[in-house]
PDB file of N, CA and C in Angstrom:
ATOM      1  N   MET A   1      94.721 116.943  69.119  1.00  0.00           N
ATOM      2  CA  MET A   1      94.340 116.210  70.328  1.00  0.00           C
ATOM      3  C   MET A   1      95.004 114.862  70.483  1.00  0.00           C
ATOM      4  N   GLU A   2      95.772 114.802  71.333  1.00  0.00           N
ATOM      5  CA  GLU A   2      96.479 113.223  71.614  1.00  0.00           C
ATOM      6  C   GLU A   2      95.458 112.190  72.096  1.00  0.00           C
ATOM      7  N   GLU A   3      95.292 111.376  71.405  1.00  0.00           N
ATOM      8  CA  GLU A   3      94.271 109.956  71.976  1.00  0.00           C
ATOM      9  C   GLU A   3      95.481 108.818  72.036  1.00  0.00           C
ATOM     10  N   ASN A   4      95.248 108.254  73.661  1.00  0.00           N
ATOM     11  CA  ASN A   4      96.092 107.195  74.071  1.00  0.00           C
ATOM     12  C   ASN A   4      95.470 105.988  74.279  1.00  0.00           C
ATOM     13  N   VAL A   5      95.470 104.900  73.871  1.00  0.00           N
ATOM     14  CA  VAL A   5      94.643 103.330  73.973  1.00  0.00           C
ATOM     15  C   VAL A   5      95.374 102.784  74.958  1.00  0.00           C
ATOM     16  N   ARG A   6      94.677 102.207  75.874  1.00  0.00           N
ATOM     17  CA  ARG A   6      95.134 101.508  77.149  1.00  0.00           C
ATOM     18  C   ARG A   6      94.120 100.250  77.068  1.00  0.00           C
ATOM     19  N   PRO A   7      94.318  99.137  77.880  1.00  0.00           N
ATOM     20  CA  PRO A   7      93.868  97.858  77.679  1.00  0.00           C
ATOM     21  C   PRO A   7      92.383  98.351  78.620  1.00  0.00           C
ATOM     22  N   TRP A   8      91.944  99.208  79.297  1.00  0.00           N
ATOM     23  CA  TRP A   8      90.900  99.470  79.805  1.00  0.00           C
ATOM     24  C   TRP A   8      89.852 100.262  79.043  1.00  0.00           C
ATOM     25  N   GLY A   9      90.510 101.068  78.064  1.00  0.00           N
ATOM     26  CA  GLY A   9      89.974 101.789  77.317  1.00  0.00           C
ATOM     27  C   GLY A   9      90.806 102.855  76.725  1.00  0.00           C
ATOM     28  N   ASN A  10      90.352 104.214  76.804  1.00  0.00           N
ATOM     29  CA  ASN A  10      91.576 105.653  76.356  1.00  0.00           C
ATOM     30  C   ASN A  10      91.309 106.594  76.905  1.00  0.00           C
ATOM     31  N   TYR A  11      92.176 107.439  76.450  1.00  0.00           N
ATOM     32  CA  TYR A  11      92.573 109.040  77.073  1.00  0.00           C
ATOM     33  C   TYR A  11      92.806 109.956  76.118  1.00  0.00           C
ATOM     34  N   ASP A  12      92.120 111.058  75.956  1.00  0.00           N
ATOM     35  CA  ASP A  12      92.290 112.049  75.293  1.00  0.00           C
ATOM     36  C   ASP A  12      92.821 113.180  75.981  1.00  0.00           C
ATOM     37  N   VAL A  13      94.306 113.572  75.733  1.00  0.00           N
ATOM     38  CA  VAL A  13      94.751 115.125  76.384  1.00  0.00           C
ATOM     39  C   VAL A  13      94.154 116.078  76.019  1.00  0.00           C
ATOM     40  N   LEU A  14      93.323 117.037  76.956  1.00  0.00           N
ATOM     41  CA  LEU A  14      92.771 118.333  76.258  1.00  0.00           C
ATOM     42  C   LEU A  14      93.647 119.420  76.535  1.00  0.00           C
ATOM     43  N   LEU A  15      94.382 119.154  77.570  1.00  0.00           N
ATOM     44  CA  LEU A  15      95.278 120.543  77.990  1.00  0.00           C
ATOM     45  C   LEU A  15      96.517 120.079  78.491  1.00  0.00           C
ATOM     46  N   ASP A  16      97.615 120.352  77.960  1.00  0.00           N
ATOM     47  CA  ASP A  16      98.915 119.946  78.636  1.00  0.00           C
ATOM     48  C   ASP A  16      99.473 121.168  79.001  1.00  0.00           C
ATOM     49  N   ALA A  17      99.776 121.742  79.911  1.00  0.00           N
ATOM     50  CA  ALA A  17     100.194 123.365  80.388  1.00  0.00           C
ATOM     51  C   ALA A  17     101.530 123.008  81.574  1.00  0.00           C
ATOM     52  N   SER A  18     102.106 124.058  81.811  1.00  0.00           N
ATOM     53  CA  SER A  18     103.050 123.708  82.980  1.00  0.00           C
ATOM     54  C   SER A  18     102.610 123.921  84.361  1.00  0.00           C
ATOM     55  N   ASN A  19     101.015 123.765  84.476  1.00  0.00           N
ATOM     56  CA  ASN A  19     100.803 123.850  85.957  1.00  0.00           C
ATOM     57  C   ASN A  19      99.868 122.825  86.045  1.00  0.00           C
ATOM     58  N   CYS A  20      99.285 122.314  84.840  1.00  0.00           N
ATOM     59  CA  CYS A  20      98.290 121.397  85.080  1.00  0.00           C
ATOM     60  C   CYS A  20      97.953 120.559  83.754  1.00  0.00           C
ATOM     61  N   LYS A  21      97.531 119.611  83.846  1.00  0.00           N
ATOM     62  CA  LYS A  21      97.330 118.466  82.840  1.00  0.00           C
ATOM     63  C   LYS A  21      95.819 117.937  82.615  1.00  0.00           C
ATOM     64  N   VAL A  22      94.784 118.257  81.624  1.00  0.00           N
ATOM     65  CA  VAL A  22      93.739 117.598  81.760  1.00  0.00           C
ATOM     66  C   VAL A  22      93.368 116.719  80.516  1.00  0.00           C
ATOM     67  N   LYS A  23      92.750 115.378  81.123  1.00  0.00           N
ATOM     68  CA  LYS A  23      92.625 114.388  80.217  1.00  0.00           C
ATOM     69  C   LYS A  23      91.134 114.104  80.189  1.00  0.00           C
ATOM     70  N   GLN A  24      90.472 113.397  79.090  1.00  0.00           N
ATOM     71  CA  GLN A  24      89.170 112.834  78.946  1.00  0.00           C
ATOM     72  C   GLN A  24      89.482 111.547  79.090  1.00  0.00           C
ATOM     73  N   ILE A  25      88.926 110.655  79.696  1.00  0.00           N
ATOM     74  CA  ILE A  25      89.144 109.535  80.082  1.00  0.00           C
ATOM     75  C   ILE A  25      87.979 108.632  79.804  1.00  0.00           C
ATOM     76  N   THR A  26      88.022 107.661  78.826  1.00  0.00           N
ATOM     77  CA  THR A  26      86.922 106.659  78.512  1.00  0.00           C
ATOM     78  C   THR A  26      87.313 105.059  79.153  1.00  0.00           C
ATOM     79  N   VAL A  27      86.526 104.496  79.955  1.00  0.00           N
ATOM     80  CA  VAL A  27      86.615 103.334  80.572  1.00  0.00           C
ATOM     81  C   VAL A  27      85.479 102.310  79.711  1.00  0.00           C
ATOM     82  N   LYS A  28      85.988 101.399  79.013  1.00  0.00           N
ATOM     83  CA  LYS A  28      84.850 100.567  78.304  1.00  0.00           C
ATOM     84  C   LYS A  28      84.601  99.850  79.617  1.00  0.00           C
ATOM     85  N   PRO A  29      82.948  99.219  79.209  1.00  0.00           N
ATOM     86  CA  PRO A  29      82.530  97.908  80.253  1.00  0.00           C
ATOM     87  C   PRO A  29      83.315  96.898  80.672  1.00  0.00           C
ATOM     88  N   GLY A  30      83.796  96.753  81.676  1.00  0.00           N
ATOM     89  CA  GLY A  30      84.427  95.627  82.497  1.00  0.00           C
ATOM     90  C   GLY A  30      85.899  96.033  82.762  1.00  0.00           C
ATOM     91  N   GLY A  31      86.266  97.633  82.301  1.00  0.00           N
ATOM     92  CA  GLY A  31      87.761  98.119  82.076  1.00  0.00           C
ATOM     93  C   GLY A  31      87.702  98.639  83.850  1.00  0.00           C
ATOM     94  N   ARG A  32      89.140  98.364  84.179  1.00  0.00           N
ATOM     95  CA  ARG A  32      89.566  98.971  85.348  1.00  0.00           C
ATOM     96  C   ARG A  32      90.979  99.521  85.378  1.00  0.00           C
ATOM     97  N   LEU A  33      91.089 100.211  85.737  1.00  0.00           N
ATOM     98  CA  LEU A  33      92.284 101.219  85.693  1.00  0.00           C
ATOM     99  C   LEU A  33      93.251 100.614  86.952  1.00  0.00           C
ATOM    100  N   SER A  34      94.417 100.687  86.911  1.00  0.00           N
ATOM    101  CA  SER A  34      95.390  99.899  87.887  1.00  0.00           C
ATOM    102  C   SER A  34      95.215 100.870  89.353  1.00  0.00           C
ATOM    103  N   TYR A  35      95.523 100.225  90.370  1.00  0.00           N
ATOM    104  CA  TYR A  35      95.330 101.060  91.728  1.00  0.00           C
ATOM    105  C   TYR A  35      96.665 101.428  91.671  1.00  0.00           C
ATOM    106  N   GLN A  36      96.678 102.408  91.683  1.00  0.00           N
ATOM    107  CA  GLN A  36      97.919 103.457  91.786  1.00  0.00           C
ATOM    108  C   GLN A  36      98.113 104.704  92.581  1.00  0.00           C
ATOM    109  N   TYR A  37      99.160 105.250  92.820  1.00  0.00           N
ATOM    110  CA  TYR A  37      99.031 106.517  93.502  1.00  0.00           C
ATOM    111  C   TYR A  37     100.601 107.513  92.623  1.00  0.00           C
ATOM    112  N   HIS A  38     100.404 108.853  92.776  1.00  0.00           N
ATOM    113  CA  HIS A  38     101.547 109.772  92.078  1.00  0.00           C
ATOM    114  C   HIS A  38     102.407 110.216  93.231  1.00  0.00           C
ATOM    115  N   HIS A  39     103.610 110.319  92.931  1.00  0.00           N
ATOM    116  CA  HIS A  39     104.462 111.235  93.733  1.00  0.00           C
ATOM    117  C   HIS A  39     104.335 112.689  93.825  1.00  0.00           C
ATOM    118  N   LYS A  40     104.135 113.190  92.480  1.00  0.00           N
ATOM    119  CA  LYS A  40     104.068 114.283  91.718  1.00  0.00           C
ATOM    120  C   LYS A  40     103.153 115.348  91.415  1.00  0.00           C
ATOM    121  N   ARG A  41     101.881 114.541  91.692  1.00  0.00           N
ATOM    122  CA  ARG A  41     100.430 115.239  91.478  1.00  0.00           C
ATOM    123  C   ARG A  41      99.129 114.935  92.245  1.00  0.00           C
ATOM    124  N   SER A  42      98.350 116.096  92.321  1.00  0.00           N
ATOM    125  CA  SER A  42      96.780 115.539  92.876  1.00  0.00           C
ATOM    126  C   SER A  42      96.137 114.996  91.493  1.00  0.00           C
ATOM    127  N   GLU A  43      94.975 114.960  91.694  1.00  0.00           N
ATOM    128  CA  GLU A  43      94.057 114.740  90.703  1.00  0.00           C
ATOM    129  C   GLU A  43      92.418 114.822  91.274  1.00  0.00           C
ATOM    130  N   VAL A  44      91.762 115.862  90.261  1.00  0.00           N
ATOM    131  CA  VAL A  44      90.242 115.926  90.519  1.00  0.00           C
ATOM    132  C   VAL A  44      89.564 115.174  89.294  1.00  0.00           C
ATOM    133  N   TRP A  45      88.497 114.216  89.759  1.00  0.00           N
ATOM    134  CA  TRP A  45      87.796 113.574  88.503  1.00  0.00           C
ATOM    135  C   TRP A  45      86.545 114.000  88.193  1.00  0.00           C
ATOM    136  N   VAL A  46      85.868 114.338  87.401  1.00  0.00           N
ATOM    137  CA  VAL A  46      84.480 114.871  87.312  1.00  0.00           C
ATOM    138  C   VAL A  46      83.891 113.889  86.234  1.00  0.00           C
ATOM    139  N   VAL A  47      83.034 112.923  86.671  1.00  0.00           N
ATOM    140  CA  VAL A  47      82.198 112.003  86.185  1.00  0.00           C
ATOM    141  C   VAL A  47      81.342 112.625  84.900  1.00  0.00           C
ATOM    142  N   VAL A  48      81.461 112.399  83.659  1.00  0.00           N
ATOM    143  CA  VAL A  48      80.431 113.163  82.754  1.00  0.00           C
ATOM    144  C   VAL A  48      79.692 111.883  82.066  1.00  0.00           C
ATOM    145  N   SER A  49      79.796 111.093  81.968  1.00  0.00           N
ATOM    146  CA  SER A  49      78.617 109.916  81.484  1.00  0.00           C
ATOM    147  C   SER A  49      78.862 108.498  82.034  1.00  0.00           C
ATOM    148  N   GLY A  50      77.924 107.760  82.148  1.00  0.00           N
ATOM    149  CA  GLY A  50      78.145 106.257  82.890  1.00  0.00           C
ATOM    150  C   GLY A  50      78.126 106.266  84.462  1.00  0.00           C
ATOM    151  N   SER A  51      78.672 105.497  84.716  1.00  0.00           N
ATOM    152  CA  SER A  51      78.858 104.982  86.343  1.00  0.00           C
ATOM    153  C   SER A  51      79.767 103.780  86.746  1.00  0.00           C
ATOM    154  N   GLY A  52      80.083 103.511  88.039  1.00  0.00           N
ATOM    155  CA  GLY A  52      81.180 102.827  88.123  1.00  0.00           C
ATOM    156  C   GLY A  52      81.387 102.654  89.479  1.00  0.00           C
ATOM    157  N   LEU A  53      82.747 102.001  90.088  1.00  0.00           N
ATOM    158  CA  LEU A  53      83.160 101.890  91.051  1.00  0.00           C
ATOM    159  C   LEU A  53      84.214 102.449  91.213  1.00  0.00           C
ATOM    160  N   PHE A  54      84.635 103.624  92.116  1.00  0.00           N
ATOM    161  CA  PHE A  54      85.913 104.341  92.736  1.00  0.00           C
ATOM    162  C   PHE A  54      86.239 103.889  93.788  1.00  0.00           C
ATOM    163  N   THR A  55      87.507 103.700  94.028  1.00  0.00           N
ATOM    164  CA  THR A  55      88.307 103.618  95.375  1.00  0.00           C
ATOM    165  C   THR A  55      89.258 104.227  95.411  1.00  0.00           C
ATOM    166  N   LEU A  56      89.428 104.911  96.715  1.00  0.00           N
ATOM    167  CA  LEU A  56      90.486 105.718  97.217  1.00  0.00           C
ATOM    168  C   LEU A  56      90.646 105.225  98.582  1.00  0.00           C
ATOM    169  N   ASP A  57      92.139 104.639  98.700  1.00  0.00           N
ATOM    170  CA  ASP A  57      92.462 104.043  99.791  1.00  0.00           C
ATOM    171  C   ASP A  57      91.888 103.096 100.632  1.00  0.00           C
ATOM    172  N   GLY A  58      91.310 102.204  99.738  1.00  0.00           N
ATOM    173  CA  GLY A  58      90.396 100.800 100.323  1.00  0.00           C
ATOM    174  C   GLY A  58      88.966 101.170 100.510  1.00  0.00           C
ATOM    175  N   VAL A  59      88.470 102.270 100.366  1.00  0.00           N
ATOM    176  CA  VAL A  59      87.172 102.728 100.210  1.00  0.00           C
ATOM    177  C   VAL A  59      86.342 102.524  98.774  1.00  0.00           C
ATOM    178  N   THR A  60      85.819 101.871  98.624  1.00  0.00           N
ATOM    179  CA  THR A  60      84.866 101.770  97.213  1.00  0.00           C
ATOM    180  C   THR A  60      83.592 102.523  97.601  1.00  0.00           C
ATOM    181  N   GLU A  61      83.427 103.506  96.438  1.00  0.00           N
ATOM    182  CA  GLU A  61      82.147 103.990  96.383  1.00  0.00           C
ATOM    183  C   GLU A  61      81.356 104.279  94.944  1.00  0.00           C
ATOM    184  N   ARG A  62      79.836 104.062  94.895  1.00  0.00           N
ATOM    185  CA  ARG A  62      79.641 104.283  93.255  1.00  0.00           C
ATOM    186  C   ARG A  62      79.677 105.784  93.034  1.00  0.00           C
ATOM    187  N   VAL A  63      79.938 105.810  91.676  1.00  0.00           N
ATOM    188  CA  VAL A  63      79.899 107.263  91.090  1.00  0.00           C
ATOM    189  C   VAL A  63      79.280 107.255  89.941  1.00  0.00           C
ATOM    190  N   HIS A  64      78.897 108.154  89.688  1.00  0.00           N
ATOM    191  CA  HIS A  64      77.939 108.449  88.357  1.00  0.00           C
ATOM    192  C   HIS A  64      78.096 109.807  87.563  1.00  0.00           C
ATOM    193  N   ALA A  65      77.456 110.173  86.806  1.00  0.00           N
ATOM    194  CA  ALA A  65      77.412 111.453  85.939  1.00  0.00           C
ATOM    195  C   ALA A  65      77.300 112.478  87.120  1.00  0.00           C
ATOM    196  N   GLY A  66      78.243 113.402  86.791  1.00  0.00           N
ATOM    197  CA  GLY A  66      78.070 114.769  87.992  1.00  0.00           C
ATOM    198  C   GLY A  66      78.775 114.726  89.513  1.00  0.00           C
ATOM    199  N   LYS A  67      79.267 113.461  89.733  1.00  0.00           N
ATOM    200  CA  LYS A  67      80.236 113.141  90.486  1.00  0.00           C
ATOM    201  C   LYS A  67      81.709 113.635  90.501  1.00  0.00           C
ATOM    202  N   ILE A  68      82.152 114.586  91.646  1.00  0.00           N
ATOM    203  CA  ILE A  68      83.367 114.892  91.831  1.00  0.00           C
ATOM    204  C   ILE A  68      84.095 114.117  92.683  1.00  0.00           C
ATOM    205  N   VAL A  69      85.608 113.596  92.416  1.00  0.00           N
ATOM    206  CA  VAL A  69      86.310 112.890  93.576  1.00  0.00           C
ATOM    207  C   VAL A  69      87.386 113.785  93.356  1.00  0.00           C
ATOM    208  N   LYS A  70      88.217 114.027  94.777  1.00  0.00           N
ATOM    209  CA  LYS A  70      89.348 114.506  94.621  1.00  0.00           C
ATOM    210  C   LYS A  70      90.410 113.670  95.246  1.00  0.00           C
ATOM    211  N   ILE A  71      91.405 113.463  94.523  1.00  0.00           N
ATOM    212  CA  ILE A  71      92.601 112.536  94.899  1.00  0.00           C
ATOM    213  C   ILE A  71      93.839 113.150  95.508  1.00  0.00           C
ATOM    214  N   PRO A  72      93.930 113.047  96.487  1.00  0.00           N
ATOM    215  CA  PRO A  72      95.378 113.858  97.266  1.00  0.00           C
ATOM    216  C   PRO A  72      96.519 113.097  96.511  1.00  0.00           C
ATOM    217  N   MET A  73      97.787 113.677  96.321  1.00  0.00           N
ATOM    218  CA  MET A  73      99.001 113.376  96.031  1.00  0.00           C
ATOM    219  C   MET A  73      99.198 112.183  97.123  1.00  0.00           C
ATOM    220  N   GLY A  74      99.671 111.194  96.372  1.00  0.00           N
ATOM    221  CA  GLY A  74     100.462 109.886  97.229  1.00  0.00           C
ATOM    222  C   GLY A  74      99.058 109.121  97.498  1.00  0.00           C
ATOM    223  N   HIS A  75      97.803 109.305  97.180  1.00  0.00           N
ATOM    224  CA  HIS A  75      96.909 108.134  97.696  1.00  0.00           C
ATOM    225  C   HIS A  75      96.582 107.276  96.678  1.00  0.00           C
ATOM    226  N   LEU A  76      96.359 106.054  97.110  1.00  0.00           N
ATOM    227  CA  LEU A  76      95.879 104.832  96.262  1.00  0.00           C
ATOM    228  C   LEU A  76      94.317 104.940  95.840  1.00  0.00           C
ATOM    229  N   HIS A  77      94.052 104.979  94.367  1.00  0.00           N
ATOM    230  CA  HIS A  77      93.298 105.078  93.848  1.00  0.00           C
ATOM    231  C   HIS A  77      92.965 104.343  92.416  1.00  0.00           C
ATOM    232  N   ARG A  78      91.733 104.241  92.162  1.00  0.00           N
ATOM    233  CA  ARG A  78      91.679 103.289  90.932  1.00  0.00           C
ATOM    234  C   ARG A  78      89.889 103.738  90.556  1.00  0.00           C
ATOM    235  N   ILE A  79      89.686 103.230  89.419  1.00  0.00           N
ATOM    236  CA  ILE A  79      88.038 102.966  89.037  1.00  0.00           C
ATOM    237  C   ILE A  79      87.999 102.177  87.894  1.00  0.00           C
ATOM    238  N   TYR A  80      86.710 101.440  88.159  1.00  0.00           N
ATOM    239  CA  TYR A  80      86.166 100.324  87.450  1.00  0.00           C
ATOM    240  C   TYR A  80      84.790 100.520  86.762  1.00  0.00           C
ATOM    241  N   ASN A  81      84.815 100.236  85.792  1.00  0.00           N
ATOM    242  CA  ASN A  81      83.425 100.248  84.887  1.00  0.00           C
ATOM    243  C   ASN A  81      82.446  98.893  84.889  1.00  0.00           C
ATOM    244  N   ASN A  82      81.712  98.601  86.307  1.00  0.00           N
ATOM    245  CA  ASN A  82      81.205  97.518  86.173  1.00  0.00           C
ATOM    246  C   ASN A  82      79.792  97.328  85.493  1.00  0.00           C
ATOM    247  N   MET A  83      79.569  98.166  84.406  1.00  0.00           N
ATOM    248  CA  MET A  83      78.684  98.679  83.611  1.00  0.00           C
ATOM    249  C   MET A  83      78.364  98.178  82.369  1.00  0.00           C
ATOM    250  N   GLN A  84      77.371  98.301  81.534  1.00  0.00           N
ATOM    251  CA  GLN A  84      77.352  98.127  80.186  1.00  0.00           C
ATOM    252  C   GLN A  84      77.508  99.062  79.163  1.00  0.00           C
ATOM    253  N   GLU A  85      77.921 100.285  79.585  1.00  0.00           N
ATOM    254  CA  GLU A  85      78.109 101.356  78.693  1.00  0.00           C
ATOM    255  C   GLU A  85      79.262 102.294  79.400  1.00  0.00           C
ATOM    256  N   ASP A  86      80.107 102.866  78.194  1.00  0.00           N
ATOM    257  CA  ASP A  86      81.392 103.308  78.526  1.00  0.00           C
ATOM    258  C   ASP A  86      81.155 104.618  79.904  1.00  0.00           C
ATOM    259  N   LEU A  87      82.190 104.687  80.508  1.00  0.00           N
ATOM    260  CA  LEU A  87      82.495 105.618  81.756  1.00  0.00           C
ATOM    261  C   LEU A  87      83.228 106.530  81.324  1.00  0.00           C
ATOM    262  N   VAL A  88      83.114 107.703  81.034  1.00  0.00           N
ATOM    263  CA  VAL A  88      83.786 108.981  81.151  1.00  0.00           C
ATOM    264  C   VAL A  88      83.986 109.918  82.107  1.00  0.00           C
ATOM    265  N   PHE A  89      85.138 110.267  82.326  1.00  0.00           N
ATOM    266  CA  PHE A  89      85.483 111.267  83.231  1.00  0.00           C
ATOM    267  C   PHE A  89      86.524 112.458  83.001  1.00  0.00           C
ATOM    268  N   ILE A  90      86.211 113.385  83.405  1.00  0.00           N
ATOM    269  CA  ILE A  90      87.599 114.535  83.142  1.00  0.00           C
ATOM    270  C   ILE A  90      88.397 114.408  84.215  1.00  0.00           C
ATOM    271  N   GLU A  91      89.474 114.326  83.884  1.00  0.00           N
ATOM    272  CA  GLU A  91      90.734 114.097  85.148  1.00  0.00           C
ATOM    273  C   GLU A  91      91.701 115.429  84.991  1.00  0.00           C
ATOM    274  N   VAL A  92      91.683 116.416  86.256  1.00  0.00           N
ATOM    275  CA  VAL A  92      92.586 117.505  86.330  1.00  0.00           C
ATOM    276  C   VAL A  92      93.463 116.999  86.967  1.00  0.00           C
ATOM    277  N   GLN A  93      95.105 117.319  86.369  1.00  0.00           N
ATOM    278  CA  GLN A  93      95.857 116.934  87.240  1.00  0.00           C
ATOM    279  C   GLN A  93      96.608 118.031  87.520  1.00  0.00           C
ATOM    280  N   LEU A  94      96.964 118.386  88.944  1.00  0.00           N
ATOM    281  CA  LEU A  94      97.720 119.353  89.638  1.00  0.00           C
ATOM    282  C   LEU A  94      98.975 119.177  90.216  1.00  0.00           C
ATOM    283  N   GLY A  95     100.118 119.814  90.008  1.00  0.00           N
ATOM    284  CA  GLY A  95     101.279 119.183  90.707  1.00  0.00           C
ATOM    285  C   GLY A  95     102.652 119.975  90.099  1.00  0.00           C
ATOM    286  N   SER A  96     103.718 119.308  90.028  1.00  0.00           N
ATOM    287  CA  SER A  96     104.816 119.772  89.497  1.00  0.00           C
ATOM    288  C   SER A  96     105.405 118.839  88.396  1.00  0.00           C
ATOM    289  N   TYR A  97     104.584 117.697  88.115  1.00  0.00           N
ATOM    290  CA  TYR A  97     105.061 117.041  86.872  1.00  0.00           C
ATOM    291  C   TYR A  97     103.888 115.979  86.754  1.00  0.00           C
ATOM    292  N   PHE A  98     103.804 115.883  85.125  1.00  0.00           N
ATOM    293  CA  PHE A  98     102.480 115.192  84.892  1.00  0.00           C
ATOM    294  C   PHE A  98     102.745 113.854  84.022  1.00  0.00           C
ATOM    295  N   GLY A  99     103.909 113.425  83.837  1.00  0.00           N
ATOM    296  CA  GLY A  99     104.350 112.311  83.000  1.00  0.00           C
ATOM    297  C   GLY A  99     103.709 111.040  83.529  1.00  0.00           C
ATOM    298  N   GLU A 100     103.599 110.079  82.775  1.00  0.00           N
ATOM    299  CA  GLU A 100     103.229 108.877  82.648  1.00  0.00           C
ATOM    300  C   GLU A 100     103.973 108.037  83.737  1.00  0.00           C
ATOM    301  N   ASP A 101     105.172 108.410  83.833  1.00  0.00           N
ATOM    302  CA  ASP A 101     106.364 107.686  84.672  1.00  0.00           C
ATOM    303  C   ASP A 101     106.004 107.841  86.018  1.00  0.00           C
ATOM    304  N   ASP A 102     105.103 108.829  86.267  1.00  0.00           N
ATOM    305  CA  ASP A 102     104.831 109.196  87.734  1.00  0.00           C
ATOM    306  C   ASP A 102     103.628 108.352  88.371  1.00  0.00           C
ATOM    307  N   ILE A 103     103.332 107.270  87.682  1.00  0.00           N
ATOM    308  CA  ILE A 103     102.377 106.263  87.859  1.00  0.00           C
ATOM    309  C   ILE A 103     102.910 105.390  88.825  1.00  0.00           C
ATOM    310  N   VAL A 104     102.667 104.941  90.178  1.00  0.00           N
ATOM    311  CA  VAL A 104     103.222 103.863  90.664  1.00  0.00           C
ATOM    312  C   VAL A 104     101.845 102.750  90.660  1.00  0.00           C
ATOM    313  N   ARG A 105     102.040 101.952  89.998  1.00  0.00           N
ATOM    314  CA  ARG A 105     100.910 100.587  90.241  1.00  0.00           C
ATOM    315  C   ARG A 105     100.996  99.493  91.323  1.00  0.00           C
ATOM    316  N   VAL A 106     100.248  99.579  92.185  1.00  0.00           N
ATOM    317  CA  VAL A 106     100.288  98.525  93.529  1.00  0.00           C
ATOM    318  C   VAL A 106      99.348  97.161  93.024  1.00  0.00           C
ATOM    319  N   ASP A 107      98.545  97.255  92.134  1.00  0.00           N
ATOM    320  CA  ASP A 107      97.729  96.273  91.203  1.00  0.00           C
ATOM    321  C   ASP A 107      97.366  96.621  89.887  1.00  0.00           C
ATOM    322  N   ASP A 108      97.278  95.597  89.388  1.00  0.00           N
ATOM    323  CA  ASP A 108      96.988  96.150  87.639  1.00  0.00           C
ATOM    324  C   ASP A 108      96.428  94.626  87.067  1.00  0.00           C
ATOM    325  N   ASP A 109      95.290  94.651  86.371  1.00  0.00           N
ATOM    326  CA  ASP A 109      94.501  93.804  85.853  1.00  0.00           C
ATOM    327  C   ASP A 109      95.377  93.349  84.649  1.00  0.00           C
ATOM    328  N   TYR A 110      96.190  94.123  84.211  1.00  0.00           N
ATOM    329  CA  TYR A 110      96.851  93.802  82.696  1.00  0.00           C
ATOM    330  C   TYR A 110      98.331  93.787  82.941  1.00  0.00           C
ATOM    331  N   ASN A 111      98.872  93.335  84.259  1.00  0.00           N
ATOM    332  CA  ASN A 111      99.900  92.796  84.427  1.00  0.00           C
ATOM    333  C   ASN A 111     101.227  93.873  83.846  1.00  0.00           C
ATOM    334  N   ARG A 112     100.850  95.484  83.952  1.00  0.00           N
ATOM    335  CA  ARG A 112     101.873  96.572  83.853  1.00  0.00           C
ATOM    336  C   ARG A 112     102.602  97.117  84.794  1.00  0.00           C
ATOM    337  N   GLN A 113     103.772  97.310  84.525  1.00  0.00           N
ATOM    338  CA  GLN A 113     104.495  97.836  85.732  1.00  0.00           C
ATOM    339  C   GLN A 113     104.327  99.229  86.028  1.00  0.00           C
TER     340      GLN A 113
END
């Protein structure tokens, strides 16, 4: 299993197939993913533990264990762990390409491009 550390936490790739990619993503307390979109994939997130704030196209809602969110291709999204315990979700990517270079960051707390 491939683990990738980021400033906001980490993710593990659980499945990397030709038609989908599945990750387990852990956002540490105070961590926030970049406000981003993708050209070649949509995503479905299932929160498995913790809670936080999910934003899709400027609309923010609280998410918690059991919540499922769908992110269409090309739509801006991010998640913020504003709690004191890890926020963990499963991300299923569907589309034609799953590389990290298909992340278009509009805003990033960690000054990544």
